[in-house]
Amino acid sequence: MKMSKMKADLQALLFLLPFLIVYFLFTIWPMIKGVGMSFYKWTLIRKMEYLGFGNYEKLWHDQDFWASVWHAFQFVIFTTPTMVVLAIILALIANRNSRLQRLYRSAFFLPSVLSVAVASYLGLFIFQPYTGFLNSVLHLLHILPEGKEIFWLTELNLSWVAISVLTLWWTVGFNFILYLSALQDISDDIYEAARLDGANDNQVLWRITLPLLGPITRTIIMLQIIASFKVFMQIYIMTGGGPLDKTRPVIQYIWQTGFRHNDLGYAAAMSYVLFFILLALSAVQYWMNNRKEAN
């Protein structure tokens, strides 16, 4: 029995081996190499000199880096709670028995199949002044006076609104599907028992549905925080990090440092600081989840 189990494990390992080799070469090894790079002055051409913890010391006093980290925090604050609420609402709508159920599900999920570049250029088309779709509609409805324009992408507060709205529209479909799947896993017997006990729609929602969605909600929050910290392309395309770098996220700053300023060593050091920030946030979220489940 023991030999047959070892044989089965060996066969499984042989099947996994091609994937493990590729994963090591293209994921694990670059990570190990990146740690080494962070201790050097390293350009796109070659390794220059050993700095020890010099890059990390420089990073500690780099106000632009910490400002970009704060911009990523702002994006998390803007999008994560809104994403969770919006995904729940859309899932509740699409889960109801209706003739339009299939239409709802398709329409809510469809934007998430777009690439980030396509979604971002759609955002440019919608939010740009003078010829943008949104300003044109506001002019047509006489909400915006003739000759006046709203500069969604060049005013600080409005640029965050435009980026957040575009990101929510583009990415909500994935979280919507997760919530919809979780709703379908809730047994109808629970709802029937609640109705027999005299519960109304609000009581069913707040005391049964939302508490049962708690585990998937905590997972979505963790995934959304990590994804929001890694935001880059839609901001780069829509605002370029402006106005005055006030929407530049940390990933864009790392990219600019490495490939525009030709300092891969310093960019690697920033990448690993960001990695540990995300690791710490994930650990806190994991601890909170376990604590809630224990209670």
Protein backbone atom coordinates (compact mmCIF):
# COMPACT_ATOMS: atom_id res chain seq x y z
CA MET A 1 0.00 0.00 0.00
CA LYS A 2 2.82 2.34 0.94
CA MET A 3 4.73 1.55 -2.29
CA SER A 4 1.67 2.21 -4.42
CA LYS A 5 1.17 5.60 -2.72
CA MET A 6 4.81 6.52 -3.33
CA LYS A 7 4.44 5.45 -6.98
CA ALA A 8 1.32 7.62 -7.35
CA ASP A 9 3.12 10.60 -5.76
CA LEU A 10 6.08 10.10 -8.11
CA GLN A 11 3.80 9.99 -11.13
CA ALA A 12 2.06 13.17 -9.97
CA LEU A 13 5.44 14.86 -9.52
CA LEU A 14 6.49 13.88 -13.04
CA PHE A 15 3.33 15.47 -14.44
CA LEU A 16 3.93 18.62 -12.37
CA LEU A 17 7.63 18.83 -13.20
CA PRO A 18 7.33 20.77 -16.51
CA PHE A 19 5.17 23.40 -14.80
CA LEU A 20 7.50 23.57 -11.78
CA ILE A 21 10.53 24.09 -14.03
CA VAL A 22 8.84 26.89 -15.98
CA TYR A 23 7.52 28.45 -12.75
CA PHE A 24 10.98 28.41 -11.19
CA LEU A 25 12.68 29.87 -14.28
CA PHE A 26 10.17 32.68 -14.89
CA THR A 27 8.92 33.46 -11.36
CA ILE A 28 11.11 32.19 -8.53
CA TRP A 29 14.49 32.84 -10.16
CA PRO A 30 13.65 36.44 -11.20
CA MET A 31 12.52 37.09 -7.62
CA ILE A 32 15.81 35.75 -6.26
CA LYS A 33 17.74 37.75 -8.87
CA GLY A 34 15.78 40.86 -7.94
CA VAL A 35 16.85 40.60 -4.31
CA GLY A 36 20.48 40.60 -5.44
CA MET A 37 19.89 43.55 -7.77
CA SER A 38 18.50 45.65 -4.93
CA PHE A 39 21.94 45.72 -3.27
CA TYR A 40 23.72 47.11 -6.35
CA LYS A 41 23.86 50.15 -8.55
CA TRP A 42 22.50 48.33 -11.59
CA THR A 43 21.69 49.90 -14.96
CA LEU A 44 20.00 48.47 -18.03
CA ILE A 45 23.46 47.71 -19.44
CA ARG A 46 25.35 46.14 -16.53
CA LYS A 47 25.95 45.86 -12.81
CA MET A 48 27.91 48.92 -11.63
CA GLU A 49 28.85 48.72 -7.95
CA TYR A 50 27.86 47.11 -4.67
CA LEU A 51 25.86 49.47 -2.42
CA GLY A 52 24.82 47.16 0.40
CA PHE A 53 21.68 48.64 1.93
CA GLY A 54 22.31 51.95 0.18
CA ASN A 55 19.25 51.67 -2.04
CA TYR A 56 17.04 50.96 0.96
CA GLU A 57 18.51 53.89 2.89
CA LYS A 58 17.88 56.15 -0.10
CA LEU A 59 14.34 54.84 -0.36
CA TRP A 60 13.63 55.65 3.29
CA HIS A 61 14.22 59.36 2.56
CA ASP A 62 12.61 59.37 -0.90
CA GLN A 63 9.51 61.55 -0.57
CA ASP A 64 8.40 60.73 -4.13
CA PHE A 65 8.31 57.03 -3.30
CA TRP A 66 6.23 57.49 -0.16
CA ALA A 67 3.95 59.92 -2.00
CA SER A 68 3.34 57.27 -4.67
CA VAL A 69 2.61 54.71 -1.93
CA TRP A 70 0.07 57.15 -0.47
CA HIS A 71 -1.50 57.57 -3.91
CA ALA A 72 -1.92 53.79 -4.08
CA PHE A 73 -3.50 53.89 -0.60
CA GLN A 74 -5.89 56.57 -1.84
CA PHE A 75 -6.88 54.41 -4.77
CA VAL A 76 -7.51 51.47 -2.40
CA ILE A 77 -9.68 53.69 -0.19
CA PHE A 78 -11.64 55.00 -3.17
CA THR A 79 -12.26 51.71 -4.93
CA THR A 80 -12.31 48.80 -2.47
CA PRO A 81 -15.42 49.64 -0.39
CA THR A 82 -17.27 50.83 -3.50
CA MET A 83 -16.27 47.69 -5.40
CA VAL A 84 -17.62 45.41 -2.66
CA VAL A 85 -20.94 47.24 -2.37
CA LEU A 86 -21.41 47.49 -6.14
CA ALA A 87 -20.56 43.81 -6.72
CA ILE A 88 -23.06 42.72 -4.04
CA ILE A 89 -25.83 44.89 -5.52
CA LEU A 90 -25.22 43.59 -9.05
CA ALA A 91 -25.12 39.98 -7.82
CA LEU A 92 -28.41 40.43 -5.95
CA ILE A 93 -30.02 41.87 -9.08
CA ALA A 94 -28.69 39.10 -11.34
CA ASN A 95 -29.68 36.39 -8.86
CA ARG A 96 -33.37 37.29 -8.89
CA ASN A 97 -35.76 35.24 -11.01
CA SER A 98 -36.46 37.47 -13.98
CA ARG A 99 -36.82 37.34 -17.73
CA LEU A 100 -33.80 39.64 -17.92
CA GLN A 101 -31.61 37.45 -15.71
CA ARG A 102 -29.32 36.32 -18.53
CA LEU A 103 -29.06 39.87 -19.87
CA TYR A 104 -28.08 41.16 -16.43
CA ARG A 105 -25.39 38.53 -16.01
CA SER A 106 -23.92 39.13 -19.45
CA ALA A 107 -24.01 42.92 -19.18
CA PHE A 108 -22.46 43.01 -15.71
CA PHE A 109 -19.65 40.63 -16.59
CA LEU A 110 -18.90 41.78 -20.16
CA PRO A 111 -16.57 44.74 -19.38
CA SER A 112 -14.17 42.48 -17.47
CA VAL A 113 -13.21 40.64 -20.69
CA LEU A 114 -11.66 43.83 -22.08
CA SER A 115 -7.93 44.37 -21.83
CA VAL A 116 -6.71 47.18 -19.60
CA ALA A 117 -5.55 49.16 -22.66
CA VAL A 118 -8.97 48.98 -24.35
CA ALA A 119 -10.78 49.91 -21.14
CA SER A 120 -8.40 52.82 -20.51
CA TYR A 121 -8.79 54.26 -24.00
CA LEU A 122 -12.55 54.00 -23.59
CA GLY A 123 -12.07 56.00 -20.40
CA LEU A 124 -10.16 58.64 -22.38
CA PHE A 125 -12.98 58.81 -24.93
CA ILE A 126 -15.56 59.24 -22.16
CA PHE A 127 -13.80 61.73 -19.88
CA GLN A 128 -11.76 63.99 -22.17
CA PRO A 129 -12.98 67.61 -22.50
CA TYR A 130 -14.57 69.21 -25.57
CA THR A 131 -15.10 65.97 -27.52
CA GLY A 132 -15.56 63.50 -24.65
CA PHE A 133 -18.77 61.49 -24.37
CA LEU A 134 -19.62 62.56 -20.81
CA ASN A 135 -19.21 66.30 -21.38
CA SER A 136 -21.16 66.02 -24.62
CA VAL A 137 -24.08 64.37 -22.81
CA LEU A 138 -23.97 67.01 -20.07
CA HIS A 139 -24.09 69.74 -22.76
CA LEU A 140 -26.96 67.97 -24.52
CA LEU A 141 -28.97 67.82 -21.29
CA HIS A 142 -28.09 71.49 -20.55
CA ILE A 143 -26.55 70.47 -17.23
CA LEU A 144 -23.23 71.91 -18.39
CA PRO A 145 -23.47 75.45 -19.85
CA GLU A 146 -22.39 76.03 -23.44
CA GLY A 147 -18.71 76.95 -23.66
CA LYS A 148 -17.87 75.45 -20.28
CA GLU A 149 -15.97 72.17 -19.93
CA ILE A 150 -15.20 69.84 -17.03
CA PHE A 151 -11.59 68.71 -17.12
CA TRP A 152 -12.01 65.27 -15.60
CA LEU A 153 -8.45 64.09 -16.23
CA THR A 154 -6.45 67.19 -15.30
CA GLU A 155 -8.10 68.32 -12.06
CA LEU A 156 -6.84 66.39 -9.04
CA ASN A 157 -10.09 65.34 -7.35
CA LEU A 158 -11.90 64.78 -10.64
CA SER A 159 -9.04 62.70 -12.05
CA TRP A 160 -9.34 60.26 -9.12
CA VAL A 161 -13.09 60.09 -9.74
CA ALA A 162 -12.56 59.32 -13.44
CA ILE A 163 -9.90 56.67 -12.77
CA SER A 164 -11.98 55.03 -10.02
CA VAL A 165 -15.19 54.98 -12.08
CA LEU A 166 -13.38 53.46 -15.07
CA THR A 167 -11.69 50.83 -12.87
CA LEU A 168 -14.93 49.90 -11.11
CA TRP A 169 -16.79 49.52 -14.40
CA TRP A 170 -14.00 47.44 -15.91
CA THR A 171 -13.22 45.12 -12.97
CA VAL A 172 -16.49 44.71 -11.08
CA GLY A 173 -17.48 41.74 -13.26
CA PHE A 174 -14.97 39.37 -11.64
CA ASN A 175 -16.17 40.15 -8.10
CA PHE A 176 -19.77 40.07 -9.30
CA ILE A 177 -19.28 36.49 -10.48
CA LEU A 178 -17.79 35.49 -7.13
CA TYR A 179 -20.75 36.94 -5.25
CA LEU A 180 -23.25 35.42 -7.67
CA SER A 181 -21.68 31.99 -7.17
CA ALA A 182 -21.80 32.46 -3.38
CA LEU A 183 -25.47 33.49 -3.52
CA GLN A 184 -26.36 30.37 -5.50
CA ASP A 185 -24.65 28.23 -2.85
CA ILE A 186 -27.05 29.51 -0.16
CA SER A 187 -29.77 26.91 0.31
CA ASP A 188 -33.36 27.94 -0.42
CA ASP A 189 -34.37 26.08 2.75
CA ILE A 190 -32.74 28.81 4.84
CA TYR A 191 -34.84 31.48 3.14
CA GLU A 192 -38.01 29.42 3.43
CA ALA A 193 -37.41 28.90 7.15
CA ALA A 194 -36.87 32.65 7.61
CA ARG A 195 -40.09 33.45 5.74
CA LEU A 196 -42.02 31.01 7.91
CA ASP A 197 -40.66 32.81 10.96
CA GLY A 198 -42.05 36.08 9.60
CA ALA A 199 -38.86 37.70 8.30
CA ASN A 200 -39.33 40.46 5.72
CA ASP A 201 -37.04 41.24 2.77
CA ASN A 202 -34.79 43.62 4.71
CA GLN A 203 -34.36 41.17 7.57
CA VAL A 204 -33.53 38.36 5.15
CA LEU A 205 -30.93 40.55 3.44
CA TRP A 206 -29.21 41.91 6.56
CA ARG A 207 -29.48 38.90 8.86
CA ILE A 208 -29.12 35.98 6.45
CA THR A 209 -27.75 36.87 3.02
CA LEU A 210 -25.01 39.34 3.95
CA PRO A 211 -23.69 37.33 6.94
CA LEU A 212 -23.51 34.20 4.77
CA LEU A 213 -21.56 36.23 2.18
CA GLY A 214 -19.04 37.18 4.86
CA PRO A 215 -16.30 34.67 3.92
CA ILE A 216 -16.32 35.57 0.22
CA THR A 217 -16.48 39.27 1.13
CA ARG A 218 -13.30 39.01 3.20
CA THR A 219 -11.58 37.19 0.34
CA ILE A 220 -12.68 39.81 -2.19
CA ILE A 221 -11.50 42.65 0.05
CA MET A 222 -8.05 41.08 0.33
CA LEU A 223 -7.80 40.48 -3.43
CA GLN A 224 -9.08 43.96 -4.20
CA ILE A 225 -6.57 45.65 -1.90
CA ILE A 226 -3.69 43.78 -3.54
CA ALA A 227 -5.01 44.50 -7.05
CA SER A 228 -5.55 48.20 -6.26
CA PHE A 229 -2.00 48.56 -4.94
CA LYS A 230 -0.73 47.19 -8.25
CA VAL A 231 -2.71 49.67 -10.35
CA PHE A 232 -0.68 51.16 -13.18
CA MET A 233 -1.82 50.95 -16.78
CA GLN A 234 -5.19 52.75 -16.60
CA ILE A 235 -3.64 55.64 -14.67
CA TYR A 236 -0.66 55.76 -17.04
CA ILE A 237 -2.92 55.94 -20.10
CA MET A 238 -5.60 58.27 -18.73
CA THR A 239 -3.59 60.82 -16.73
CA GLY A 240 0.07 59.77 -16.99
CA GLY A 241 0.22 60.12 -13.21
CA GLY A 242 -0.79 63.80 -13.38
CA PRO A 243 -1.69 66.44 -12.61
CA LEU A 244 1.78 67.16 -11.15
CA ASP A 245 2.30 63.46 -10.30
CA LYS A 246 -0.61 63.59 -7.83
CA THR A 247 -2.15 60.40 -9.23
CA ARG A 248 1.13 58.57 -9.87
CA PRO A 249 0.92 55.14 -8.15
CA VAL A 250 3.88 53.26 -6.72
CA ILE A 251 4.10 50.79 -9.64
CA GLN A 252 4.44 53.67 -12.10
CA TYR A 253 7.17 55.27 -9.98
CA ILE A 254 9.06 51.96 -9.86
CA TRP A 255 8.74 51.61 -13.63
CA GLN A 256 9.95 55.15 -14.25
CA THR A 257 12.92 54.66 -11.92
CA GLY A 258 13.97 51.41 -13.56
CA PHE A 259 13.41 52.11 -17.24
CA ARG A 260 13.38 55.88 -17.63
CA HIS A 261 16.03 56.77 -15.06
CA ASN A 262 18.07 53.63 -15.78
CA ASP A 263 18.31 52.56 -12.12
CA LEU A 264 17.17 48.94 -11.89
CA GLY A 265 18.82 48.38 -8.51
CA TYR A 266 16.83 51.13 -6.83
CA ALA A 267 13.66 50.01 -8.63
CA ALA A 268 14.22 46.47 -7.33
CA ALA A 269 14.60 47.79 -3.76
CA MET A 270 11.30 49.67 -4.07
CA SER A 271 9.63 46.57 -5.46
CA TYR A 272 10.59 44.52 -2.42
CA VAL A 273 9.46 47.22 -0.01
CA LEU A 274 6.10 47.18 -1.81
CA PHE A 275 6.11 43.37 -1.59
CA PHE A 276 6.52 43.50 2.19
CA ILE A 277 3.81 46.16 2.51
CA LEU A 278 1.39 43.89 0.64
CA LEU A 279 2.58 40.89 2.66
CA ALA A 280 1.89 42.76 5.90
CA LEU A 281 -1.58 43.83 4.72
CA SER A 282 -2.37 40.26 3.65
CA ALA A 283 -1.17 38.91 7.02
CA VAL A 284 -3.40 41.40 8.89
CA GLN A 285 -6.36 40.49 6.70
CA TYR A 286 -5.69 36.75 7.21
CA TRP A 287 -5.48 37.24 10.98
CA MET A 288 -8.74 39.20 11.02
CA ASN A 289 -10.48 36.53 8.94
CA ASN A 290 -9.37 33.76 11.27
CA ARG A 291 -10.41 35.77 14.29
CA LYS A 292 -13.90 36.35 12.88
CA GLU A 293 -14.30 32.68 11.97
CA ALA A 294 -13.18 31.67 15.46
CA ASN A 295 -15.80 33.94 17.01
